Amino acid sequence: MRRAVLIAAFCLIASSAQAAWQFSDVSDEDGKAYKGWAVDVSGELEAQIFCDDWFPDAMDITIYTAEKYDAKASYPESGVMKVRIDDRKSVEVTAFYDEHEGELLVYTSSLEAEGVDEVLLAMARANSSIGFSFEGRDWHFSADNVFPVLEKMAAECPTESNTP
């Protein structure tokens, strides 16, 4: 019995740690790039914030949905993504479907939509949860560590003033 309790406690801790937002430097020989990311407790869904020096001052938010992309399906060109902060406040932004290696993605980019900066500011204020809704789909992530990750991205992401 004691062993079962210890295993359950370990799984709970591992799930919580897995759900925390993390910062990664994904730069390579082609240029500087950074991402902030979190997975949901299932480990299948990922929310990602991305910036690089190809498009200084731009930020993308992408949801890797764990759904298979259906090339025969008719996806709307764009729609409204609602971002819920702590199950109370919500912010809306235009979002788009995309595909990566056969997986259906939902993304928004400050290059293509207004309001991405408001979404990022709202996310930075989150205390417990961040939810995304788009076209009848819902995804939920922990807000654990999101502020330090966004703070680090604000400091590291390329801008017009710090990119040669």
N, C-alpha and C. Protein backbone atom coordinates (compact mmCIF):
# COMPACT_ATOMS: atom_id res chain seq x y z
N MET A 1 0.82 -1.19 0.00
CA MET A 1 0.00 0.00 0.00
C MET A 1 0.86 1.26 0.00
N ARG A 2 1.88 1.24 0.86
CA ARG A 2 2.76 2.41 0.94
C ARG A 2 3.44 2.67 -0.40
N ARG A 3 3.85 1.60 -1.06
CA ARG A 3 4.51 1.74 -2.35
C ARG A 3 3.55 2.35 -3.37
N ALA A 4 2.30 1.95 -3.37
CA ALA A 4 1.30 2.49 -4.29
C ALA A 4 1.12 3.99 -4.06
N VAL A 5 1.10 4.41 -2.81
CA VAL A 5 0.96 5.82 -2.48
C VAL A 5 2.17 6.60 -2.98
N LEU A 6 3.37 6.04 -2.79
CA LEU A 6 4.59 6.70 -3.26
C LEU A 6 4.60 6.83 -4.78
N ILE A 7 4.18 5.79 -5.47
CA ILE A 7 4.13 5.82 -6.93
C ILE A 7 3.12 6.87 -7.40
N ALA A 8 1.96 6.90 -6.76
CA ALA A 8 0.95 7.90 -7.11
C ALA A 8 1.47 9.31 -6.88
N ALA A 9 2.16 9.52 -5.76
CA ALA A 9 2.73 10.84 -5.46
C ALA A 9 3.78 11.22 -6.50
N PHE A 10 4.62 10.28 -6.89
CA PHE A 10 5.64 10.54 -7.91
C PHE A 10 4.98 10.92 -9.24
N CYS A 11 3.93 10.20 -9.62
CA CYS A 11 3.24 10.50 -10.88
C CYS A 11 2.62 11.88 -10.84
N LEU A 12 2.07 12.27 -9.71
CA LEU A 12 1.49 13.60 -9.56
C LEU A 12 2.56 14.67 -9.71
N ILE A 13 3.70 14.47 -9.06
CA ILE A 13 4.80 15.42 -9.16
C ILE A 13 5.32 15.48 -10.59
N ALA A 14 5.47 14.34 -11.22
CA ALA A 14 5.98 14.31 -12.61
C ALA A 14 5.01 15.00 -13.54
N SER A 15 3.71 14.81 -13.35
CA SER A 15 2.72 15.48 -14.19
C SER A 15 2.77 16.98 -13.99
N SER A 16 2.88 17.43 -12.75
CA SER A 16 2.93 18.86 -12.48
C SER A 16 4.17 19.48 -13.10
N ALA A 17 5.30 18.81 -12.95
CA ALA A 17 6.54 19.35 -13.51
C ALA A 17 6.46 19.37 -15.03
N GLN A 18 5.85 18.36 -15.58
CA GLN A 18 5.74 18.27 -17.03
C GLN A 18 4.89 19.41 -17.57
N ALA A 19 3.90 19.86 -16.81
CA ALA A 19 2.97 20.87 -17.29
C ALA A 19 3.53 22.28 -17.16
N ALA A 20 4.60 22.49 -16.42
CA ALA A 20 5.16 23.83 -16.22
C ALA A 20 5.73 24.38 -17.53
N TRP A 21 5.59 25.68 -17.73
CA TRP A 21 6.16 26.34 -18.90
C TRP A 21 7.67 26.32 -18.81
N GLN A 22 8.31 26.14 -19.97
CA GLN A 22 9.76 26.08 -20.04
C GLN A 22 10.25 26.98 -21.17
N PHE A 23 11.49 27.44 -21.04
CA PHE A 23 12.14 28.27 -22.06
C PHE A 23 13.22 27.44 -22.73
N SER A 24 13.30 27.53 -24.06
CA SER A 24 14.35 26.83 -24.80
C SER A 24 14.97 27.75 -25.84
N ASP A 25 16.29 27.74 -25.89
CA ASP A 25 17.03 28.41 -26.95
C ASP A 25 17.15 27.38 -28.07
N VAL A 26 16.48 27.63 -29.19
CA VAL A 26 16.51 26.69 -30.31
C VAL A 26 17.28 27.29 -31.50
N SER A 27 18.21 28.17 -31.18
CA SER A 27 19.04 28.80 -32.21
C SER A 27 19.91 27.75 -32.89
N ASP A 28 20.25 28.02 -34.13
CA ASP A 28 21.17 27.15 -34.87
C ASP A 28 22.03 28.01 -35.79
N GLU A 29 22.72 27.38 -36.73
CA GLU A 29 23.61 28.13 -37.62
C GLU A 29 22.86 29.11 -38.51
N ASP A 30 21.56 28.92 -38.68
CA ASP A 30 20.76 29.83 -39.51
C ASP A 30 20.32 31.08 -38.77
N GLY A 31 20.38 31.06 -37.43
CA GLY A 31 19.98 32.26 -36.70
C GLY A 31 19.48 31.97 -35.30
N LYS A 32 19.11 33.04 -34.63
CA LYS A 32 18.62 32.94 -33.26
C LYS A 32 17.13 32.64 -33.26
N ALA A 33 16.72 31.77 -32.34
CA ALA A 33 15.31 31.42 -32.19
C ALA A 33 15.09 30.93 -30.76
N TYR A 34 13.91 31.25 -30.23
CA TYR A 34 13.59 30.90 -28.85
C TYR A 34 12.14 30.44 -28.78
N LYS A 35 11.87 29.56 -27.84
CA LYS A 35 10.48 29.16 -27.64
C LYS A 35 10.20 29.00 -26.14
N GLY A 36 8.99 29.34 -25.80
CA GLY A 36 8.44 29.05 -24.49
C GLY A 36 7.36 28.02 -24.74
N TRP A 37 7.31 26.99 -23.92
CA TRP A 37 6.37 25.92 -24.23
C TRP A 37 5.91 25.19 -22.97
N ALA A 38 4.75 24.57 -23.11
CA ALA A 38 4.20 23.74 -22.03
C ALA A 38 3.41 22.62 -22.67
N VAL A 39 3.36 21.50 -21.98
CA VAL A 39 2.51 20.40 -22.41
C VAL A 39 1.40 20.26 -21.39
N ASP A 40 0.28 19.70 -21.84
CA ASP A 40 -0.80 19.46 -20.90
C ASP A 40 -0.47 18.23 -20.06
N VAL A 41 -1.32 17.90 -19.11
CA VAL A 41 -1.02 16.78 -18.21
C VAL A 41 -1.00 15.45 -18.93
N SER A 42 -1.65 15.34 -20.09
CA SER A 42 -1.61 14.08 -20.84
C SER A 42 -0.27 13.91 -21.54
N GLY A 43 0.45 15.01 -21.72
CA GLY A 43 1.73 14.95 -22.43
C GLY A 43 1.57 14.92 -23.94
N GLU A 44 0.34 15.03 -24.43
CA GLU A 44 0.10 14.95 -25.86
C GLU A 44 -0.04 16.31 -26.53
N LEU A 45 -0.56 17.29 -25.82
CA LEU A 45 -0.78 18.62 -26.39
C LEU A 45 0.34 19.55 -25.98
N GLU A 46 0.71 20.44 -26.87
CA GLU A 46 1.75 21.42 -26.55
C GLU A 46 1.30 22.82 -26.98
N ALA A 47 1.49 23.77 -26.09
CA ALA A 47 1.32 25.19 -26.43
C ALA A 47 2.73 25.75 -26.54
N GLN A 48 2.95 26.57 -27.58
CA GLN A 48 4.29 27.08 -27.82
C GLN A 48 4.23 28.55 -28.23
N ILE A 49 5.14 29.33 -27.68
CA ILE A 49 5.35 30.72 -28.08
C ILE A 49 6.72 30.74 -28.73
N PHE A 50 6.83 31.37 -29.90
CA PHE A 50 8.06 31.28 -30.69
C PHE A 50 8.45 32.65 -31.23
N CYS A 51 9.76 32.88 -31.28
CA CYS A 51 10.29 34.08 -31.93
C CYS A 51 11.63 33.73 -32.56
N ASP A 52 12.01 34.47 -33.61
CA ASP A 52 13.31 34.25 -34.24
C ASP A 52 13.80 35.53 -34.91
N ASP A 53 15.02 35.49 -35.41
CA ASP A 53 15.58 36.69 -36.03
C ASP A 53 15.23 36.82 -37.51
N TRP A 54 14.47 35.89 -38.06
CA TRP A 54 13.98 36.05 -39.42
C TRP A 54 12.91 37.14 -39.46
N PHE A 55 12.12 37.21 -38.37
CA PHE A 55 11.06 38.21 -38.25
C PHE A 55 11.17 38.88 -36.88
N PRO A 56 12.14 39.81 -36.74
CA PRO A 56 12.31 40.49 -35.46
C PRO A 56 11.01 41.18 -35.02
N ASP A 57 10.79 41.21 -33.73
CA ASP A 57 9.60 41.81 -33.11
C ASP A 57 8.33 40.98 -33.29
N ALA A 58 8.41 39.83 -33.93
CA ALA A 58 7.23 39.00 -34.15
C ALA A 58 7.19 37.85 -33.14
N MET A 59 5.99 37.50 -32.73
CA MET A 59 5.79 36.36 -31.83
C MET A 59 4.65 35.51 -32.39
N ASP A 60 4.82 34.19 -32.31
CA ASP A 60 3.79 33.25 -32.73
C ASP A 60 3.34 32.46 -31.51
N ILE A 61 2.07 32.11 -31.48
CA ILE A 61 1.54 31.19 -30.48
C ILE A 61 0.95 30.02 -31.26
N THR A 62 1.40 28.82 -30.96
CA THR A 62 0.95 27.63 -31.68
C THR A 62 0.47 26.58 -30.70
N ILE A 63 -0.64 25.94 -31.04
CA ILE A 63 -1.14 24.79 -30.28
C ILE A 63 -0.92 23.56 -31.16
N TYR A 64 -0.11 22.64 -30.67
CA TYR A 64 0.06 21.34 -31.33
C TYR A 64 -1.05 20.46 -30.77
N THR A 65 -2.05 20.17 -31.60
CA THR A 65 -3.31 19.60 -31.13
C THR A 65 -3.31 18.10 -30.88
N ALA A 66 -2.30 17.39 -31.34
CA ALA A 66 -2.24 15.92 -31.26
C ALA A 66 -3.32 15.27 -32.14
N GLU A 67 -3.95 16.07 -32.99
CA GLU A 67 -4.93 15.54 -33.95
C GLU A 67 -4.23 15.35 -35.29
N LYS A 68 -4.62 14.31 -35.99
CA LYS A 68 -4.07 14.08 -37.31
C LYS A 68 -4.66 15.10 -38.29
N TYR A 69 -3.79 15.70 -39.09
CA TYR A 69 -4.23 16.63 -40.12
C TYR A 69 -4.90 15.83 -41.22
N ASP A 70 -6.09 16.24 -41.64
CA ASP A 70 -6.84 15.58 -42.69
C ASP A 70 -6.77 16.44 -43.95
N ALA A 71 -5.97 16.02 -44.91
CA ALA A 71 -5.77 16.80 -46.13
C ALA A 71 -7.06 16.95 -46.93
N LYS A 72 -8.04 16.06 -46.71
CA LYS A 72 -9.31 16.13 -47.43
C LYS A 72 -10.34 17.00 -46.72
N ALA A 73 -10.06 17.35 -45.48
CA ALA A 73 -11.00 18.17 -44.71
C ALA A 73 -10.97 19.61 -45.19
N SER A 74 -12.04 20.31 -44.92
CA SER A 74 -12.13 21.72 -45.27
C SER A 74 -12.02 22.54 -43.98
N TYR A 75 -10.83 23.07 -43.73
CA TYR A 75 -10.60 23.88 -42.54
C TYR A 75 -10.85 25.34 -42.90
N PRO A 76 -11.52 26.10 -42.01
CA PRO A 76 -11.72 27.52 -42.29
C PRO A 76 -10.38 28.25 -42.42
N GLU A 77 -10.36 29.28 -43.24
CA GLU A 77 -9.11 30.04 -43.45
C GLU A 77 -8.63 30.67 -42.15
N SER A 78 -9.56 31.19 -41.36
CA SER A 78 -9.22 31.78 -40.07
C SER A 78 -10.44 31.76 -39.18
N GLY A 79 -10.23 32.06 -37.91
CA GLY A 79 -11.32 32.11 -36.95
C GLY A 79 -10.86 32.82 -35.70
N VAL A 80 -11.73 32.89 -34.72
CA VAL A 80 -11.41 33.57 -33.47
C VAL A 80 -10.98 32.54 -32.43
N MET A 81 -9.78 32.73 -31.90
CA MET A 81 -9.31 31.90 -30.80
C MET A 81 -9.52 32.69 -29.51
N LYS A 82 -10.18 32.05 -28.55
CA LYS A 82 -10.35 32.65 -27.22
C LYS A 82 -9.28 32.08 -26.30
N VAL A 83 -8.64 32.96 -25.58
CA VAL A 83 -7.64 32.54 -24.61
C VAL A 83 -8.20 32.91 -23.24
N ARG A 84 -8.44 31.89 -22.40
CA ARG A 84 -9.01 32.08 -21.07
C ARG A 84 -7.92 32.02 -20.03
N ILE A 85 -7.91 33.01 -19.17
CA ILE A 85 -6.91 33.11 -18.12
C ILE A 85 -7.58 32.79 -16.79
N ASP A 86 -7.09 31.78 -16.10
CA ASP A 86 -7.61 31.37 -14.79
C ASP A 86 -9.13 31.16 -14.82
N ASP A 87 -9.65 30.67 -15.94
CA ASP A 87 -11.08 30.40 -16.13
C ASP A 87 -11.96 31.62 -15.87
N ARG A 88 -11.41 32.81 -16.00
CA ARG A 88 -12.20 34.03 -15.79
C ARG A 88 -12.09 34.94 -17.00
N LYS A 89 -11.00 35.64 -17.11
CA LYS A 89 -10.82 36.61 -18.18
C LYS A 89 -10.49 35.91 -19.49
N SER A 90 -11.05 36.43 -20.58
CA SER A 90 -10.68 35.88 -21.88
C SER A 90 -10.29 37.00 -22.82
N VAL A 91 -9.38 36.66 -23.72
CA VAL A 91 -8.88 37.57 -24.74
C VAL A 91 -9.08 36.86 -26.07
N GLU A 92 -9.45 37.60 -27.10
CA GLU A 92 -9.67 37.00 -28.41
C GLU A 92 -8.63 37.47 -29.41
N VAL A 93 -8.27 36.57 -30.31
CA VAL A 93 -7.29 36.88 -31.36
C VAL A 93 -7.62 36.00 -32.57
N THR A 94 -7.32 36.50 -33.75
CA THR A 94 -7.51 35.71 -34.98
C THR A 94 -6.47 34.59 -35.02
N ALA A 95 -6.92 33.41 -35.38
CA ALA A 95 -6.03 32.25 -35.46
C ALA A 95 -6.29 31.48 -36.75
N PHE A 96 -5.39 30.57 -37.05
CA PHE A 96 -5.41 29.85 -38.32
C PHE A 96 -5.06 28.38 -38.09
N TYR A 97 -5.57 27.52 -38.97
CA TYR A 97 -5.15 26.12 -38.97
C TYR A 97 -3.87 25.99 -39.80
N ASP A 98 -3.06 25.01 -39.46
CA ASP A 98 -1.87 24.69 -40.24
C ASP A 98 -1.56 23.22 -40.01
N GLU A 99 -0.52 22.74 -40.62
CA GLU A 99 -0.13 21.34 -40.51
C GLU A 99 1.39 21.26 -40.37
N HIS A 100 1.84 20.34 -39.52
CA HIS A 100 3.27 20.09 -39.37
C HIS A 100 3.46 18.59 -39.16
N GLU A 101 4.17 17.96 -40.10
CA GLU A 101 4.47 16.52 -40.02
C GLU A 101 3.21 15.70 -39.74
N GLY A 102 2.12 16.06 -40.41
CA GLY A 102 0.88 15.31 -40.30
C GLY A 102 0.01 15.67 -39.10
N GLU A 103 0.45 16.62 -38.27
CA GLU A 103 -0.32 17.02 -37.10
C GLU A 103 -1.04 18.34 -37.37
N LEU A 104 -2.28 18.43 -36.91
CA LEU A 104 -3.06 19.65 -37.04
C LEU A 104 -2.58 20.67 -36.01
N LEU A 105 -2.29 21.88 -36.48
CA LEU A 105 -1.86 22.97 -35.61
C LEU A 105 -2.89 24.09 -35.67
N VAL A 106 -2.94 24.85 -34.59
CA VAL A 106 -3.68 26.11 -34.58
C VAL A 106 -2.67 27.15 -34.14
N TYR A 107 -2.58 28.25 -34.90
CA TYR A 107 -1.58 29.26 -34.55
C TYR A 107 -2.12 30.66 -34.79
N THR A 108 -1.48 31.58 -34.12
CA THR A 108 -1.67 33.00 -34.38
C THR A 108 -0.30 33.64 -34.37
N SER A 109 -0.15 34.71 -35.11
CA SER A 109 1.15 35.37 -35.22
C SER A 109 0.95 36.87 -35.24
N SER A 110 1.84 37.57 -34.57
CA SER A 110 1.76 39.03 -34.59
C SER A 110 2.01 39.58 -36.00
N LEU A 111 2.51 38.77 -36.91
CA LEU A 111 2.67 39.19 -38.30
C LEU A 111 1.35 39.18 -39.06
N GLU A 112 0.42 38.34 -38.60
CA GLU A 112 -0.83 38.15 -39.32
C GLU A 112 -2.07 38.60 -38.57
N ALA A 113 -1.96 38.82 -37.28
CA ALA A 113 -3.15 39.15 -36.48
C ALA A 113 -2.81 40.21 -35.44
N GLU A 114 -3.77 41.07 -35.19
CA GLU A 114 -3.62 42.05 -34.12
C GLU A 114 -4.06 41.42 -32.81
N GLY A 115 -3.46 41.87 -31.72
CA GLY A 115 -3.89 41.41 -30.40
C GLY A 115 -3.04 40.32 -29.78
N VAL A 116 -2.02 39.85 -30.50
CA VAL A 116 -1.16 38.80 -29.93
C VAL A 116 -0.45 39.32 -28.69
N ASP A 117 -0.05 40.58 -28.70
CA ASP A 117 0.61 41.15 -27.53
C ASP A 117 -0.33 41.18 -26.32
N GLU A 118 -1.64 41.46 -26.53
CA GLU A 118 -2.60 41.42 -25.42
C GLU A 118 -2.75 40.01 -24.87
N VAL A 119 -2.72 39.02 -25.76
CA VAL A 119 -2.80 37.62 -25.32
C VAL A 119 -1.59 37.29 -24.45
N LEU A 120 -0.40 37.68 -24.90
CA LEU A 120 0.82 37.38 -24.14
C LEU A 120 0.82 38.08 -22.79
N LEU A 121 0.35 39.32 -22.74
CA LEU A 121 0.26 40.03 -21.46
C LEU A 121 -0.73 39.35 -20.53
N ALA A 122 -1.87 38.92 -21.07
CA ALA A 122 -2.86 38.21 -20.24
C ALA A 122 -2.27 36.89 -19.73
N MET A 123 -1.56 36.17 -20.59
CA MET A 123 -0.93 34.92 -20.16
C MET A 123 0.07 35.16 -19.05
N ALA A 124 0.82 36.26 -19.13
CA ALA A 124 1.82 36.57 -18.11
C ALA A 124 1.18 36.79 -16.74
N ARG A 125 -0.08 37.22 -16.73
CA ARG A 125 -0.79 37.48 -15.47
C ARG A 125 -1.49 36.24 -14.92
N ALA A 126 -1.47 35.15 -15.66
CA ALA A 126 -2.19 33.93 -15.23
C ALA A 126 -1.58 33.37 -13.95
N ASN A 127 -2.46 32.90 -13.07
CA ASN A 127 -2.03 32.29 -11.81
C ASN A 127 -2.15 30.77 -11.81
N SER A 128 -3.19 30.25 -12.47
CA SER A 128 -3.42 28.81 -12.38
C SER A 128 -3.56 28.11 -13.72
N SER A 129 -4.28 28.73 -14.66
CA SER A 129 -4.52 28.01 -15.91
C SER A 129 -4.61 28.95 -17.10
N ILE A 130 -4.30 28.38 -18.26
CA ILE A 130 -4.43 29.07 -19.53
C ILE A 130 -5.17 28.12 -20.46
N GLY A 131 -6.31 28.57 -20.97
CA GLY A 131 -7.10 27.74 -21.88
C GLY A 131 -7.22 28.39 -23.24
N PHE A 132 -7.22 27.59 -24.27
CA PHE A 132 -7.37 28.07 -25.63
C PHE A 132 -8.59 27.38 -26.24
N SER A 133 -9.43 28.12 -26.94
CA SER A 133 -10.59 27.56 -27.64
C SER A 133 -10.58 28.05 -29.07
N PHE A 134 -10.82 27.14 -30.00
CA PHE A 134 -10.84 27.50 -31.42
C PHE A 134 -11.72 26.52 -32.17
N GLU A 135 -12.74 27.04 -32.85
CA GLU A 135 -13.59 26.22 -33.71
C GLU A 135 -14.13 24.97 -33.00
N GLY A 136 -14.59 25.11 -31.77
CA GLY A 136 -15.16 23.98 -31.02
C GLY A 136 -14.15 23.08 -30.34
N ARG A 137 -12.88 23.41 -30.44
CA ARG A 137 -11.83 22.64 -29.78
C ARG A 137 -11.33 23.41 -28.56
N ASP A 138 -11.00 22.70 -27.48
CA ASP A 138 -10.51 23.33 -26.25
C ASP A 138 -9.24 22.64 -25.78
N TRP A 139 -8.28 23.46 -25.34
CA TRP A 139 -7.02 22.94 -24.80
C TRP A 139 -6.70 23.69 -23.53
N HIS A 140 -6.18 22.98 -22.52
CA HIS A 140 -5.91 23.58 -21.21
C HIS A 140 -4.48 23.29 -20.77
N PHE A 141 -3.83 24.33 -20.25
CA PHE A 141 -2.45 24.22 -19.79
C PHE A 141 -2.31 24.91 -18.44
N SER A 142 -1.34 24.46 -17.69
CA SER A 142 -1.01 25.09 -16.43
C SER A 142 -0.38 26.46 -16.70
N ALA A 143 -0.53 27.37 -15.75
CA ALA A 143 0.14 28.67 -15.84
C ALA A 143 1.45 28.65 -15.06
N ASP A 144 1.81 27.50 -14.50
CA ASP A 144 3.02 27.38 -13.70
C ASP A 144 4.25 27.79 -14.51
N ASN A 145 4.97 28.77 -14.02
CA ASN A 145 6.22 29.26 -14.60
C ASN A 145 6.04 30.07 -15.88
N VAL A 146 4.81 30.42 -16.25
CA VAL A 146 4.61 31.15 -17.50
C VAL A 146 5.20 32.56 -17.44
N PHE A 147 5.09 33.25 -16.30
CA PHE A 147 5.62 34.61 -16.22
C PHE A 147 7.14 34.64 -16.43
N PRO A 148 7.93 33.82 -15.71
CA PRO A 148 9.38 33.86 -15.96
C PRO A 148 9.76 33.50 -17.40
N VAL A 149 9.01 32.59 -18.01
CA VAL A 149 9.30 32.22 -19.40
C VAL A 149 9.03 33.40 -20.33
N LEU A 150 7.90 34.06 -20.16
CA LEU A 150 7.59 35.22 -21.00
C LEU A 150 8.55 36.37 -20.75
N GLU A 151 8.97 36.53 -19.50
CA GLU A 151 9.96 37.56 -19.17
C GLU A 151 11.29 37.29 -19.88
N LYS A 152 11.70 36.02 -19.87
CA LYS A 152 12.95 35.63 -20.55
C LYS A 152 12.83 35.83 -22.06
N MET A 153 11.66 35.49 -22.62
CA MET A 153 11.47 35.69 -24.05
C MET A 153 11.50 37.18 -24.40
N ALA A 154 10.90 38.00 -23.56
CA ALA A 154 10.93 39.45 -23.81
C ALA A 154 12.36 39.97 -23.83
N ALA A 155 13.22 39.39 -23.01
CA ALA A 155 14.62 39.83 -22.96
C ALA A 155 15.45 39.25 -24.11
N GLU A 156 15.14 38.05 -24.55
CA GLU A 156 15.98 37.35 -25.53
C GLU A 156 15.51 37.46 -26.98
N CYS A 157 14.21 37.59 -27.21
CA CYS A 157 13.71 37.57 -28.58
C CYS A 157 14.27 38.71 -29.42
N PRO A 158 14.65 38.42 -30.64
CA PRO A 158 15.21 39.45 -31.53
C PRO A 158 14.20 40.56 -31.81
N THR A 159 14.70 41.78 -31.83
CA THR A 159 13.92 42.95 -32.17
C THR A 159 14.65 43.70 -33.27
N GLU A 160 13.97 44.67 -33.87
CA GLU A 160 14.62 45.48 -34.90
C GLU A 160 15.85 46.19 -34.33
N SER A 161 15.79 46.56 -33.05
CA SER A 161 16.90 47.32 -32.45
C SER A 161 18.08 46.46 -32.01
N ASN A 162 17.88 45.14 -31.84
CA ASN A 162 19.00 44.30 -31.40
C ASN A 162 19.41 43.25 -32.43
N THR A 163 18.90 43.38 -33.67
CA THR A 163 19.22 42.42 -34.72
C THR A 163 20.03 43.14 -35.80
N PRO A 164 21.21 42.60 -36.14
CA PRO A 164 22.04 43.27 -37.17
C PRO A 164 21.39 43.27 -38.53
